[in-house]
C-alpha atoms as a PDB file:
ATOM      1  CA  MET A   1      44.797  88.431 159.406  1.00  0.00           C
ATOM      2  CA  ASN A   2      41.240  87.465 161.264  1.00  0.00           C
ATOM      3  CA  HIS A   3      40.605  90.797 163.155  1.00  0.00           C
ATOM      4  CA  ILE A   4      38.031  89.955 166.046  1.00  0.00           C
ATOM      5  CA  LYS A   5      35.474  92.977 167.071  1.00  0.00           C
ATOM      6  CA  PHE A   6      31.957  93.722 168.642  1.00  0.00           C
ATOM      7  CA  LEU A   7      29.425  94.082 166.098  1.00  0.00           C
ATOM      8  CA  ARG A   8      26.338  95.768 167.445  1.00  0.00           C
ATOM      9  CA  ASN A   9      24.157  93.412 164.877  1.00  0.00           C
ATOM     10  CA  ALA A  10      24.355  90.250 165.062  1.00  0.00           C
ATOM     11  CA  VAL A  11      25.409  88.643 162.009  1.00  0.00           C
ATOM     12  CA  LYS A  12      26.348  85.062 160.655  1.00  0.00           C
ATOM     13  CA  GLY A  13      29.708  83.754 160.925  1.00  0.00           C
ATOM     14  CA  THR A  14      32.511  81.377 161.296  1.00  0.00           C
ATOM     15  CA  ALA A  15      35.788  81.119 162.835  1.00  0.00           C
ATOM     16  CA  TRP A  16      38.509  80.212 161.369  1.00  0.00           C
ATOM     17  CA  MET A  17      42.324  79.885 160.840  1.00  0.00           C
ATOM     18  CA  SER A  18      44.737  81.089 158.016  1.00  0.00           C
ATOM     19  CA  ARG A  19      48.090  79.561 157.671  1.00  0.00           C
ATOM     20  CA  VAL A  20      49.444  81.905 155.304  1.00  0.00           C
ATOM     21  CA  PRO A  21      52.405  83.430 156.445  1.00  0.00           C
ATOM     22  CA  LEU A  22      52.557  87.003 158.123  1.00  0.00           C
ATOM     23  CA  ALA A  23      54.147  88.793 155.874  1.00  0.00           C
ATOM     24  CA  SER A  24      57.404  89.937 157.182  1.00  0.00           C
ATOM     25  CA  SER A  25      56.792  93.336 155.604  1.00  0.00           C
ATOM     26  CA  ASP A  26      54.598  94.241 158.445  1.00  0.00           C
ATOM     27  CA  ASN A  27      55.228  96.497 161.265  1.00  0.00           C
ATOM     28  CA  MET A  28      54.606  93.733 163.994  1.00  0.00           C
ATOM     29  CA  SER A  29      56.977  95.217 166.300  1.00  0.00           C
ATOM     30  CA  LYS A  30      54.470  97.988 166.956  1.00  0.00           C
ATOM     31  CA  MET A  31      52.072  95.241 168.275  1.00  0.00           C
ATOM     32  CA  THR A  32      54.044  95.958 171.580  1.00  0.00           C
ATOM     33  CA  ARG A  33      52.288  99.344 172.634  1.00  0.00           C
ATOM     34  CA  PHE A  34      49.040  96.868 172.681  1.00  0.00           C
ATOM     35  CA  LEU A  35      50.897  94.508 174.813  1.00  0.00           C
ATOM     36  CA  SER A  36      51.249  97.021 177.869  1.00  0.00           C
ATOM     37  CA  ILE A  37      47.528  96.281 179.733  1.00  0.00           C
ATOM     38  CA  SER A  38      48.039  99.200 182.381  1.00  0.00           C
ATOM     39  CA  PRO A  39      50.619 101.288 184.034  1.00  0.00           C
ATOM     40  CA  VAL A  40      51.990  99.962 187.095  1.00  0.00           C
ATOM     41  CA  THR A  41      54.890 100.770 189.323  1.00  0.00           C
ATOM     42  CA  TYR A  42      56.849  97.171 189.998  1.00  0.00           C
ATOM     43  CA  LEU A  43      56.335  94.621 187.894  1.00  0.00           C
ATOM     44  CA  GLU A  44      56.581  91.029 188.804  1.00  0.00           C
ATOM     45  CA  GLN A  45      59.046  88.129 187.330  1.00  0.00           C
ATOM     46  CA  THR A  46      58.210  84.631 186.075  1.00  0.00           C
ATOM     47  CA  VAL A  47      60.444  82.211 187.229  1.00  0.00           C
ATOM     48  CA  LEU A  48      62.203  82.468 184.011  1.00  0.00           C
ATOM     49  CA  HIS A  49      63.112  86.069 183.932  1.00  0.00           C
ATOM     50  CA  ASP A  50      66.935  85.843 184.045  1.00  0.00           C
ATOM     51  CA  PHE A  51      66.518  83.421 181.179  1.00  0.00           C
ATOM     52  CA  HIS A  52      64.472  86.041 179.094  1.00  0.00           C
ATOM     53  CA  ILE A  53      67.686  88.315 179.592  1.00  0.00           C
ATOM     54  CA  HIS A  54      70.140  86.167 179.034  1.00  0.00           C
ATOM     55  CA  HIS A  55      68.350  84.899 175.814  1.00  0.00           C
ATOM     56  CA  GLU A  56      68.496  88.445 174.669  1.00  0.00           C
ATOM     57  CA  GLY A  57      64.570  89.188 175.498  1.00  0.00           C
ATOM     58  CA  LYS A  58      63.099  92.484 174.827  1.00  0.00           C
ATOM     59  CA  MET A  59      61.141  92.581 178.059  1.00  0.00           C
ATOM     60  CA  VAL A  60      57.558  94.792 178.127  1.00  0.00           C
ATOM     61  CA  GLU A  61      55.127  94.801 180.773  1.00  0.00           C
ATOM     62  CA  PHE A  62      51.987  92.858 180.250  1.00  0.00           C
ATOM     63  CA  ALA A  63      49.429  92.281 183.095  1.00  0.00           C
ATOM     64  CA  GLY A  64      51.908  93.692 185.492  1.00  0.00           C
ATOM     65  CA  TYR A  65      54.753  91.200 184.743  1.00  0.00           C
ATOM     66  CA  SER A  66      58.215  92.035 182.483  1.00  0.00           C
ATOM     67  CA  MET A  67      57.611  89.283 179.955  1.00  0.00           C
ATOM     68  CA  PRO A  68      59.815  88.701 176.643  1.00  0.00           C
ATOM     69  CA  VAL A  69      57.964  89.954 173.734  1.00  0.00           C
ATOM     70  CA  GLN A  70      60.617  88.749 171.131  1.00  0.00           C
ATOM     71  CA  TYR A  71      64.124  87.504 171.650  1.00  0.00           C
ATOM     72  CA  GLY A  72      67.138  89.220 169.966  1.00  0.00           C
ATOM     73  CA  LYS A  73      66.944  90.071 165.889  1.00  0.00           C
ATOM     74  CA  VAL A  74      64.222  87.430 165.439  1.00  0.00           C
ATOM     75  CA  GLY A  75      61.312  89.650 164.213  1.00  0.00           C
ATOM     76  CA  ILE A  76      57.784  89.080 165.326  1.00  0.00           C
ATOM     77  CA  ALA A  77      56.475  88.009 162.135  1.00  0.00           C
ATOM     78  CA  SER A  78      59.583  85.572 161.436  1.00  0.00           C
ATOM     79  CA  SER A  79      58.485  83.936 164.806  1.00  0.00           C
ATOM     80  CA  HIS A  80      54.882  83.806 164.154  1.00  0.00           C
ATOM     81  CA  ASN A  81      55.345  81.838 160.749  1.00  0.00           C
ATOM     82  CA  HIS A  82      57.795  79.772 162.466  1.00  0.00           C
ATOM     83  CA  ILE A  83      55.714  78.296 164.824  1.00  0.00           C
ATOM     84  CA  ARG A  84      52.845  77.881 162.034  1.00  0.00           C
ATOM     85  CA  THR A  85      55.635  75.566 160.138  1.00  0.00           C
ATOM     86  CA  HIS A  86      57.992  74.466 163.237  1.00  0.00           C
ATOM     87  CA  CYS A  87      57.133  75.039 166.961  1.00  0.00           C
ATOM     88  CA  GLY A  88      58.382  77.321 169.684  1.00  0.00           C
ATOM     89  CA  MET A  89      58.639  77.880 173.325  1.00  0.00           C
ATOM     90  CA  PHE A  90      56.531  80.577 175.015  1.00  0.00           C
ATOM     91  CA  ASP A  91      57.148  81.441 178.752  1.00  0.00           C
ATOM     92  CA  VAL A  92      53.247  81.835 180.215  1.00  0.00           C
ATOM     93  CA  SER A  93      54.383  81.577 183.575  1.00  0.00           C
ATOM     94  CA  HIS A  94      52.823  84.715 184.944  1.00  0.00           C
ATOM     95  CA  MET A  95      49.114  82.502 184.260  1.00  0.00           C
ATOM     96  CA  LEU A  96      47.382  81.462 187.444  1.00  0.00           C
ATOM     97  CA  GLN A  97      47.577  77.678 188.387  1.00  0.00           C
ATOM     98  CA  SER A  98      45.670  76.603 190.888  1.00  0.00           C
ATOM     99  CA  LYS A  99      43.920  72.706 192.227  1.00  0.00           C
ATOM    100  CA  ILE A 100      40.752  72.769 193.574  1.00  0.00           C
ATOM    101  CA  HIS A 101      40.414  70.185 196.159  1.00  0.00           C
ATOM    102  CA  GLY A 102      37.454  68.313 198.443  1.00  0.00           C
ATOM    103  CA  LYS A 103      34.782  65.801 197.734  1.00  0.00           C
ATOM    104  CA  ASP A 104      32.424  68.748 196.591  1.00  0.00           C
ATOM    105  CA  ARG A 105      35.589  70.140 194.126  1.00  0.00           C
ATOM    106  CA  ILE A 106      33.245  69.684 191.065  1.00  0.00           C
ATOM    107  CA  LYS A 107      30.278  70.803 192.734  1.00  0.00           C
ATOM    108  CA  PHE A 108      32.045  73.676 193.414  1.00  0.00           C
ATOM    109  CA  MET A 109      33.925  74.787 190.339  1.00  0.00           C
ATOM    110  CA  GLU A 110      30.329  74.512 188.667  1.00  0.00           C
ATOM    111  CA  ASN A 111      28.670  77.046 190.845  1.00  0.00           C
ATOM    112  CA  LEU A 112      31.413  79.405 188.828  1.00  0.00           C
ATOM    113  CA  ILE A 113      32.091  78.325 185.344  1.00  0.00           C
ATOM    114  CA  VAL A 114      29.612  77.271 182.489  1.00  0.00           C
ATOM    115  CA  GLY A 115      31.179  73.909 181.442  1.00  0.00           C
ATOM    116  CA  ASP A 116      30.236  70.204 182.510  1.00  0.00           C
ATOM    117  CA  ILE A 117      33.275  69.122 184.573  1.00  0.00           C
ATOM    118  CA  GLU A 118      31.433  66.285 186.104  1.00  0.00           C
ATOM    119  CA  GLY A 119      30.939  64.799 182.318  1.00  0.00           C
ATOM    120  CA  LEU A 120      34.993  65.093 181.757  1.00  0.00           C
ATOM    121  CA  ALA A 121      36.383  61.825 181.738  1.00  0.00           C
ATOM    122  CA  ASP A 122      39.259  61.439 184.309  1.00  0.00           C
ATOM    123  CA  ASN A 123      42.397  63.572 182.890  1.00  0.00           C
ATOM    124  CA  THR A 124      40.570  65.425 180.416  1.00  0.00           C
ATOM    125  CA  GLY A 125      40.087  69.360 180.220  1.00  0.00           C
ATOM    126  CA  THR A 126      38.004  71.975 178.946  1.00  0.00           C
ATOM    127  CA  LEU A 127      38.129  75.769 177.767  1.00  0.00           C
ATOM    128  CA  SER A 128      35.426  77.410 180.021  1.00  0.00           C
ATOM    129  CA  LEU A 129      34.395  80.758 181.596  1.00  0.00           C
ATOM    130  CA  PHE A 130      33.952  82.533 185.168  1.00  0.00           C
ATOM    131  CA  THR A 131      30.664  84.329 185.091  1.00  0.00           C
ATOM    132  CA  ASN A 132      29.072  87.129 187.140  1.00  0.00           C
ATOM    133  CA  GLU A 133      25.059  87.530 187.731  1.00  0.00           C
ATOM    134  CA  ARG A 134      24.655  89.341 185.295  1.00  0.00           C
ATOM    135  CA  GLY A 135      25.887  86.767 182.747  1.00  0.00           C
ATOM    136  CA  GLY A 136      29.239  88.892 181.943  1.00  0.00           C
ATOM    137  CA  ILE A 137      32.330  87.003 181.439  1.00  0.00           C
ATOM    138  CA  ILE A 138      35.090  87.443 184.229  1.00  0.00           C
ATOM    139  CA  ASP A 139      37.429  85.281 182.892  1.00  0.00           C
ATOM    140  CA  ASP A 140      38.577  82.451 180.725  1.00  0.00           C
ATOM    141  CA  LEU A 141      40.406  79.191 182.099  1.00  0.00           C
ATOM    142  CA  ILE A 142      40.978  75.540 181.058  1.00  0.00           C
ATOM    143  CA  CYS A 143      39.679  73.635 183.706  1.00  0.00           C
ATOM    144  CA  SER A 144      40.808  69.934 183.424  1.00  0.00           C
ATOM    145  CA  LYS A 145      39.755  66.872 185.810  1.00  0.00           C
ATOM    146  CA  THR A 146      42.486  64.728 187.171  1.00  0.00           C
ATOM    147  CA  SER A 147      42.234  61.149 188.291  1.00  0.00           C
ATOM    148  CA  LEU A 148      44.394  62.422 191.442  1.00  0.00           C
ATOM    149  CA  GLY A 149      41.461  63.894 193.501  1.00  0.00           C
ATOM    150  CA  PHE A 150      41.682  67.708 192.186  1.00  0.00           C
ATOM    151  CA  LEU A 151      40.852  69.759 189.444  1.00  0.00           C
ATOM    152  CA  TYR A 152      43.752  71.883 187.578  1.00  0.00           C
ATOM    153  CA  VAL A 153      43.198  75.124 186.876  1.00  0.00           C
ATOM    154  CA  VAL A 154      44.419  77.637 184.736  1.00  0.00           C
ATOM    155  CA  SER A 155      43.565  81.392 183.977  1.00  0.00           C
ATOM    156  CA  ASN A 156      44.881  84.282 183.285  1.00  0.00           C
ATOM    157  CA  ALA A 157      47.169  86.379 184.312  1.00  0.00           C
ATOM    158  CA  GLY A 158      45.444  89.933 184.025  1.00  0.00           C
ATOM    159  CA  CYS A 159      42.673  88.604 186.015  1.00  0.00           C
ATOM    160  CA  LYS A 160      44.889  86.916 188.345  1.00  0.00           C
ATOM    161  CA  GLU A 161      43.142  89.232 191.504  1.00  0.00           C
ATOM    162  CA  LYS A 162      39.842  89.521 190.713  1.00  0.00           C
ATOM    163  CA  ASP A 163      39.676  85.411 189.631  1.00  0.00           C
ATOM    164  CA  LEU A 164      41.250  84.768 193.012  1.00  0.00           C
ATOM    165  CA  LEU A 165      39.063  87.124 194.631  1.00  0.00           C
ATOM    166  CA  HIS A 166      35.896  85.577 192.730  1.00  0.00           C
ATOM    167  CA  MET A 167      36.967  82.124 194.001  1.00  0.00           C
ATOM    168  CA  ARG A 168      38.197  82.915 197.772  1.00  0.00           C
ATOM    169  CA  GLU A 169      34.606  85.037 197.911  1.00  0.00           C
ATOM    170  CA  ARG A 170      32.167  81.641 197.000  1.00  0.00           C
ATOM    171  CA  LEU A 171      34.408  79.024 198.200  1.00  0.00           C
ATOM    172  CA  ALA A 172      33.615  80.888 201.778  1.00  0.00           C
ATOM    173  CA  GLU A 173      30.052  80.736 200.996  1.00  0.00           C
ATOM    174  CA  PHE A 174      30.178  77.241 199.792  1.00  0.00           C
ATOM    175  CA  LYS A 175      31.745  76.144 202.850  1.00  0.00           C
ATOM    176  CA  SER A 176      29.501  77.805 204.984  1.00  0.00           C
ATOM    177  CA  LYS A 177      26.449  75.857 203.549  1.00  0.00           C
ATOM    178  CA  GLY A 178      28.567  72.801 204.232  1.00  0.00           C
ATOM    179  CA  GLY A 179      30.280  71.976 200.586  1.00  0.00           C
ATOM    180  CA  ASP A 180      33.475  70.502 200.504  1.00  0.00           C
ATOM    181  CA  ALA A 181      35.856  72.094 198.670  1.00  0.00           C
ATOM    182  CA  GLU A 182      39.897  73.879 199.368  1.00  0.00           C
ATOM    183  CA  LEU A 183      41.595  76.184 197.089  1.00  0.00           C
ATOM    184  CA  GLU A 184      45.342  75.801 196.276  1.00  0.00           C
ATOM    185  CA  ILE A 185      47.458  78.301 194.717  1.00  0.00           C
ATOM    186  CA  ILE A 186      50.464  76.452 192.590  1.00  0.00           C
ATOM    187  CA  ASP A 187      53.020  79.018 193.210  1.00  0.00           C
ATOM    188  CA  ASP A 188      56.283  76.693 192.929  1.00  0.00           C
ATOM    189  CA  HIS A 189      55.723  76.046 189.462  1.00  0.00           C
ATOM    190  CA  GLY A 190      56.334  77.595 185.873  1.00  0.00           C
ATOM    191  CA  LEU A 191      54.388  77.355 182.873  1.00  0.00           C
ATOM    192  CA  LEU A 192      56.040  76.667 178.977  1.00  0.00           C
ATOM    193  CA  ALA A 193      53.694  76.634 175.985  1.00  0.00           C
ATOM    194  CA  ILE A 194      55.623  74.457 173.257  1.00  0.00           C
ATOM    195  CA  GLN A 195      53.554  75.369 170.399  1.00  0.00           C
ATOM    196  CA  GLY A 196      53.921  74.130 166.363  1.00  0.00           C
ATOM    197  CA  PRO A 197      53.325  71.024 164.031  1.00  0.00           C
ATOM    198  CA  GLU A 198      56.362  70.060 164.774  1.00  0.00           C
ATOM    199  CA  SER A 199      55.961  70.293 168.942  1.00  0.00           C
ATOM    200  CA  ALA A 200      55.292  66.253 169.380  1.00  0.00           C
ATOM    201  CA  LYS A 201      58.184  65.313 167.347  1.00  0.00           C
ATOM    202  CA  THR A 202      60.247  67.439 168.625  1.00  0.00           C
ATOM    203  CA  LEU A 203      59.110  66.427 172.501  1.00  0.00           C
ATOM    204  CA  GLN A 204      58.878  62.613 171.802  1.00  0.00           C
ATOM    205  CA  PRO A 205      62.417  61.704 172.268  1.00  0.00           C
ATOM    206  CA  LEU A 206      62.685  63.781 175.867  1.00  0.00           C
ATOM    207  CA  LEU A 207      59.351  61.808 176.879  1.00  0.00           C
ATOM    208  CA  GLU A 208      59.046  58.161 177.990  1.00  0.00           C
ATOM    209  CA  ASP A 209      55.129  58.619 177.376  1.00  0.00           C
ATOM    210  CA  ASP A 210      53.986  58.429 174.115  1.00  0.00           C
ATOM    211  CA  LEU A 211      52.665  61.899 173.029  1.00  0.00           C
ATOM    212  CA  ASN A 212      50.371  59.976 170.813  1.00  0.00           C
ATOM    213  CA  GLN A 213      48.211  58.643 173.492  1.00  0.00           C
ATOM    214  CA  LEU A 214      47.772  61.851 174.858  1.00  0.00           C
ATOM    215  CA  TYR A 215      45.227  63.597 172.890  1.00  0.00           C
ATOM    216  CA  PHE A 216      43.857  66.944 172.967  1.00  0.00           C
ATOM    217  CA  MET A 217      42.787  68.642 176.388  1.00  0.00           C
ATOM    218  CA  HIS A 218      44.077  65.496 177.590  1.00  0.00           C
ATOM    219  CA  THR A 219      46.507  65.640 180.719  1.00  0.00           C
ATOM    220  CA  LYS A 220      49.147  63.922 182.592  1.00  0.00           C
ATOM    221  CA  GLU A 221      51.742  64.000 184.871  1.00  0.00           C
ATOM    222  CA  MET A 222      54.864  62.654 183.228  1.00  0.00           C
ATOM    223  CA  LYS A 223      58.882  63.051 182.839  1.00  0.00           C
ATOM    224  CA  VAL A 224      59.973  65.952 180.640  1.00  0.00           C
ATOM    225  CA  ALA A 225      64.177  65.601 180.236  1.00  0.00           C
ATOM    226  CA  GLY A 226      63.953  63.598 183.448  1.00  0.00           C
ATOM    227  CA  ILE A 227      61.623  66.341 185.268  1.00  0.00           C
ATOM    228  CA  PRO A 228      58.339  65.491 186.747  1.00  0.00           C
ATOM    229  CA  CYS A 229      55.814  67.761 185.116  1.00  0.00           C
ATOM    230  CA  ARG A 230      51.969  68.169 184.263  1.00  0.00           C
ATOM    231  CA  VAL A 231      51.645  68.165 180.312  1.00  0.00           C
ATOM    232  CA  THR A 232      48.526  69.138 179.088  1.00  0.00           C
ATOM    233  CA  ARG A 233      47.653  68.601 175.253  1.00  0.00           C
ATOM    234  CA  CYS A 234      46.165  72.346 174.470  1.00  0.00           C
ATOM    235  CA  GLY A 235      47.779  75.897 173.580  1.00  0.00           C
ATOM    236  CA  TYR A 236      46.172  79.142 172.337  1.00  0.00           C
ATOM    237  CA  THR A 237      47.792  79.413 168.746  1.00  0.00           C
ATOM    238  CA  GLY A 238      45.726  77.534 166.471  1.00  0.00           C
ATOM    239  CA  GLU A 239      48.344  74.830 166.245  1.00  0.00           C
ATOM    240  CA  ASP A 240      49.491  71.542 168.055  1.00  0.00           C
ATOM    241  CA  GLY A 241      51.180  71.767 170.966  1.00  0.00           C
ATOM    242  CA  VAL A 242      51.528  71.126 174.777  1.00  0.00           C
ATOM    243  CA  GLU A 243      51.621  73.236 178.197  1.00  0.00           C
ATOM    244  CA  ILE A 244      53.932  72.249 180.466  1.00  0.00           C
ATOM    245  CA  SER A 245      53.217  72.805 184.397  1.00  0.00           C
ATOM    246  CA  VAL A 246      57.325  72.341 185.806  1.00  0.00           C
ATOM    247  CA  PRO A 247      58.758  73.082 189.053  1.00  0.00           C
ATOM    248  CA  ASN A 248      60.076  76.539 189.588  1.00  0.00           C
ATOM    249  CA  ALA A 249      63.556  74.892 190.350  1.00  0.00           C
ATOM    250  CA  LYS A 250      63.709  73.276 186.957  1.00  0.00           C
ATOM    251  CA  ALA A 251      62.284  75.757 184.568  1.00  0.00           C
ATOM    252  CA  THR A 252      65.595  77.050 183.079  1.00  0.00           C
ATOM    253  CA  GLU A 253      67.084  73.823 182.765  1.00  0.00           C
ATOM    254  CA  LEU A 254      64.307  72.363 181.403  1.00  0.00           C
ATOM    255  CA  CYS A 255      64.194  75.643 178.734  1.00  0.00           C
ATOM    256  CA  GLU A 256      67.832  74.861 177.765  1.00  0.00           C
ATOM    257  CA  THR A 257      66.991  71.355 177.219  1.00  0.00           C
ATOM    258  CA  LEU A 258      64.555  71.793 175.004  1.00  0.00           C
ATOM    259  CA  LEU A 259      66.645  74.617 173.006  1.00  0.00           C
ATOM    260  CA  GLU A 260      69.313  72.323 172.373  1.00  0.00           C
ATOM    261  CA  ALA A 261      66.271  69.651 171.093  1.00  0.00           C
ATOM    262  CA  GLY A 262      65.144  72.526 168.371  1.00  0.00           C
ATOM    263  CA  VAL A 263      62.533  74.671 169.931  1.00  0.00           C
ATOM    264  CA  GLN A 264      62.884  77.885 169.164  1.00  0.00           C
ATOM    265  CA  LEU A 265      62.090  80.956 171.742  1.00  0.00           C
ATOM    266  CA  ALA A 266      58.858  82.844 171.122  1.00  0.00           C
ATOM    267  CA  GLY A 267      57.466  85.700 172.614  1.00  0.00           C
ATOM    268  CA  LEU A 268      53.847  87.659 173.721  1.00  0.00           C
ATOM    269  CA  GLY A 269      53.987  89.606 170.164  1.00  0.00           C
ATOM    270  CA  ALA A 270      54.119  85.949 168.176  1.00  0.00           C
ATOM    271  CA  ARG A 271      51.303  84.732 170.701  1.00  0.00           C
ATOM    272  CA  ASP A 272      48.848  87.710 170.374  1.00  0.00           C
ATOM    273  CA  SER A 273      49.013  87.422 166.272  1.00  0.00           C
ATOM    274  CA  LEU A 274      48.868  83.772 166.549  1.00  0.00           C
ATOM    275  CA  ARG A 275      45.459  83.760 168.840  1.00  0.00           C
ATOM    276  CA  LEU A 276      44.581  86.738 166.490  1.00  0.00           C
ATOM    277  CA  GLU A 277      44.336  84.877 163.099  1.00  0.00           C
ATOM    278  CA  ALA A 278      43.175  81.784 164.717  1.00  0.00           C
ATOM    279  CA  GLY A 279      40.016  83.737 166.164  1.00  0.00           C
ATOM    280  CA  LEU A 280      40.941  83.133 169.671  1.00  0.00           C
ATOM    281  CA  CYS A 281      39.427  85.848 172.460  1.00  0.00           C
ATOM    282  CA  LEU A 282      42.020  87.607 174.383  1.00  0.00           C
ATOM    283  CA  TYR A 283      40.213  88.994 177.611  1.00  0.00           C
ATOM    284  CA  GLY A 284      40.133  92.606 178.015  1.00  0.00           C
ATOM    285  CA  ASN A 285      40.477  92.930 174.253  1.00  0.00           C
ATOM    286  CA  ASP A 286      37.777  90.947 172.789  1.00  0.00           C
ATOM    287  CA  ILE A 287      35.884  89.803 175.828  1.00  0.00           C
ATOM    288  CA  ASP A 288      35.151  91.495 179.079  1.00  0.00           C
ATOM    289  CA  ASP A 289      33.088  91.197 182.282  1.00  0.00           C
ATOM    290  CA  THR A 290      30.308  92.871 180.399  1.00  0.00           C
ATOM    291  CA  THR A 291      30.527  90.425 177.456  1.00  0.00           C
ATOM    292  CA  THR A 292      28.217  87.572 177.737  1.00  0.00           C
ATOM    293  CA  PRO A 293      29.081  83.908 176.387  1.00  0.00           C
ATOM    294  CA  ILE A 294      26.999  84.109 173.457  1.00  0.00           C
ATOM    295  CA  GLU A 295      27.856  87.787 172.258  1.00  0.00           C
ATOM    296  CA  ALA A 296      31.393  86.177 173.023  1.00  0.00           C
ATOM    297  CA  GLY A 297      30.604  83.506 170.145  1.00  0.00           C
ATOM    298  CA  LEU A 298      31.329  81.054 172.662  1.00  0.00           C
ATOM    299  CA  ALA A 299      27.861  79.504 173.402  1.00  0.00           C
ATOM    300  CA  TRP A 300      29.832  76.197 172.885  1.00  0.00           C
ATOM    301  CA  THR A 301      31.854  76.261 175.943  1.00  0.00           C
ATOM    302  CA  ILE A 302      27.951  75.741 177.847  1.00  0.00           C
ATOM    303  CA  GLY A 303      27.545  72.267 178.539  1.00  0.00           C
ATOM    304  CA  LYS A 304      24.172  70.836 177.558  1.00  0.00           C
ATOM    305  CA  ARG A 305      23.601  69.731 181.269  1.00  0.00           C
ATOM    306  CA  ARG A 306      24.377  73.005 182.253  1.00  0.00           C
ATOM    307  CA  ARG A 307      21.714  74.315 180.065  1.00  0.00           C
ATOM    308  CA  GLN A 308      19.389  71.814 181.561  1.00  0.00           C
ATOM    309  CA  THR A 309      20.335  72.678 185.234  1.00  0.00           C
ATOM    310  CA  ALA A 310      20.832  76.248 185.110  1.00  0.00           C
ATOM    311  CA  ASP A 311      22.799  76.832 188.102  1.00  0.00           C
ATOM    312  CA  PHE A 312      25.643  79.156 187.307  1.00  0.00           C
ATOM    313  CA  LEU A 313      25.937  82.588 187.293  1.00  0.00           C
ATOM    314  CA  GLY A 314      23.792  84.737 185.344  1.00  0.00           C
ATOM    315  CA  ALA A 315      22.362  81.498 183.724  1.00  0.00           C
ATOM    316  CA  GLU A 316      18.800  83.255 183.319  1.00  0.00           C
ATOM    317  CA  ILE A 317      20.372  86.244 181.190  1.00  0.00           C
ATOM    318  CA  ILE A 318      22.771  83.600 179.437  1.00  0.00           C
ATOM    319  CA  LEU A 319      20.233  80.761 178.289  1.00  0.00           C
ATOM    320  CA  LYS A 320      17.560  83.775 177.314  1.00  0.00           C
ATOM    321  CA  GLN A 321      20.233  85.252 174.825  1.00  0.00           C
ATOM    322  CA  LEU A 322      21.062  81.329 173.718  1.00  0.00           C
ATOM    323  CA  LYS A 323      17.219  81.163 172.717  1.00  0.00           C
ATOM    324  CA  ASP A 324      16.424  84.543 171.363  1.00  0.00           C
ATOM    325  CA  LYS A 325      19.873  85.142 170.134  1.00  0.00           C
ATOM    326  CA  PRO A 326      22.087  88.425 171.549  1.00  0.00           C
ATOM    327  CA  THR A 327      21.791  92.085 169.505  1.00  0.00           C
ATOM    328  CA  ARG A 328      25.310  92.082 169.524  1.00  0.00           C
ATOM    329  CA  ARG A 329      28.380  89.546 168.775  1.00  0.00           C
ATOM    330  CA  ARG A 330      32.003  89.073 168.485  1.00  0.00           C
ATOM    331  CA  ILE A 331      32.838  88.278 164.493  1.00  0.00           C
ATOM    332  CA  GLY A 332      35.980  87.902 162.518  1.00  0.00           C
ATOM    333  CA  LEU A 333      36.565  90.035 159.657  1.00  0.00           C
ATOM    334  CA  THR A 334      38.759  89.930 156.833  1.00  0.00           C
ATOM    335  CA  CYS A 335      40.223  93.067 155.416  1.00  0.00           C
ATOM    336  CA  THR A 336      42.752  94.428 152.983  1.00  0.00           C
ATOM    337  CA  GLY A 337      45.638  96.875 153.732  1.00  0.00           C
ATOM    338  CA  PRO A 338      46.591  97.708 157.113  1.00  0.00           C
ATOM    339  CA  PRO A 339      44.689  96.519 160.353  1.00  0.00           C
ATOM    340  CA  PRO A 340      42.087  98.350 161.850  1.00  0.00           C
ATOM    341  CA  ARG A 341      42.925  99.566 165.251  1.00  0.00           C
ATOM    342  CA  ALA A 342      41.165  99.062 168.205  1.00  0.00           C
ATOM    343  CA  HIS A 343      37.684 100.396 168.560  1.00  0.00           C
ATOM    344  CA  CYS A 344      37.550 101.364 165.050  1.00  0.00           C
ATOM    345  CA  PRO A 345      34.427 102.176 163.733  1.00  0.00           C
ATOM    346  CA  VAL A 346      32.992  99.501 161.690  1.00  0.00           C
ATOM    347  CA  LEU A 347      30.283 101.017 159.003  1.00  0.00           C
ATOM    348  CA  SER A 348      27.359  99.644 156.776  1.00  0.00           C
ATOM    349  CA  GLU A 349      26.339 101.650 153.717  1.00  0.00           C
ATOM    350  CA  GLY A 350      27.861 104.766 156.489  1.00  0.00           C
ATOM    351  CA  GLN A 351      25.958 103.727 159.058  1.00  0.00           C
ATOM    352  CA  GLN A 352      27.983 102.266 162.059  1.00  0.00           C
ATOM    353  CA  ILE A 353      27.439  98.676 162.947  1.00  0.00           C
ATOM    354  CA  GLY A 354      29.764  97.696 165.245  1.00  0.00           C
ATOM    355  CA  GLU A 355      33.777  98.537 166.266  1.00  0.00           C
END
């Protein structure tokens, strides 16, 4: 498995994705202890909470929500391997979905993130980063430029409050200078992630649109099993798949239909192991607001035009690191035996070079 940690000394490394099955003997159930970010007194519930309980979801706290880590007697390792070979479904309705409206929506969004949104074709999106004045990453997100007059944004549940505060503060400042933009929170839709090499084949009978024409990072409004949804060809497992934004009133119905079509339920345990194996960052674990895009190995998210305009928060620090190289960097480690725990020291000839 690919374990993503920080090294203080920059070294060359490339991200890779292993397709070697996760050994069922691994005690993956222990992963639940890492999925609880902070103690809370009240847990939010997604629109699919009752659905999870009905299907024997083992609920844990994650980002302030009650979420399934796995279902019934299906172990995390088994679920992981199923998605690597077939397809599975995750409830990611806890994530923040929003729209940015207004004639200056692109200019506003580019004040907040490092990506080139202006350069996107209609109905395509990109992974990008909210940054702060110090060049640190506030959150990672996907921003899609629709042909319907708005940007569609999906960001992390664990960063929801600070993302909203950041966007609202910057929006007020932007509008005070005459900018035309508005923020709309999408709270009447759930979000499903269908992931795995057989996702398209399994979904296609439920669609009128041809998924072969919905390329990676493309997004489109279409009916899924007769339900109006927004479907985006993306995911966070290292496999092919889509994310489906579905009206709350139809979310359970759609999930039951997908189960009947052969999609297997999957929980947070498999989602975490899949993204880790694929070398994908988890905010709060692998990146945070003290980590720059360059240190995180995410320089590719900074658009070429944005490097020239240098008009995003923290640009001076980030672009200097891009030129001079950082003194620490996130890399992947291949290890044998039990995986190292968080913050375990990494030694080279007895000297600590990272963690």
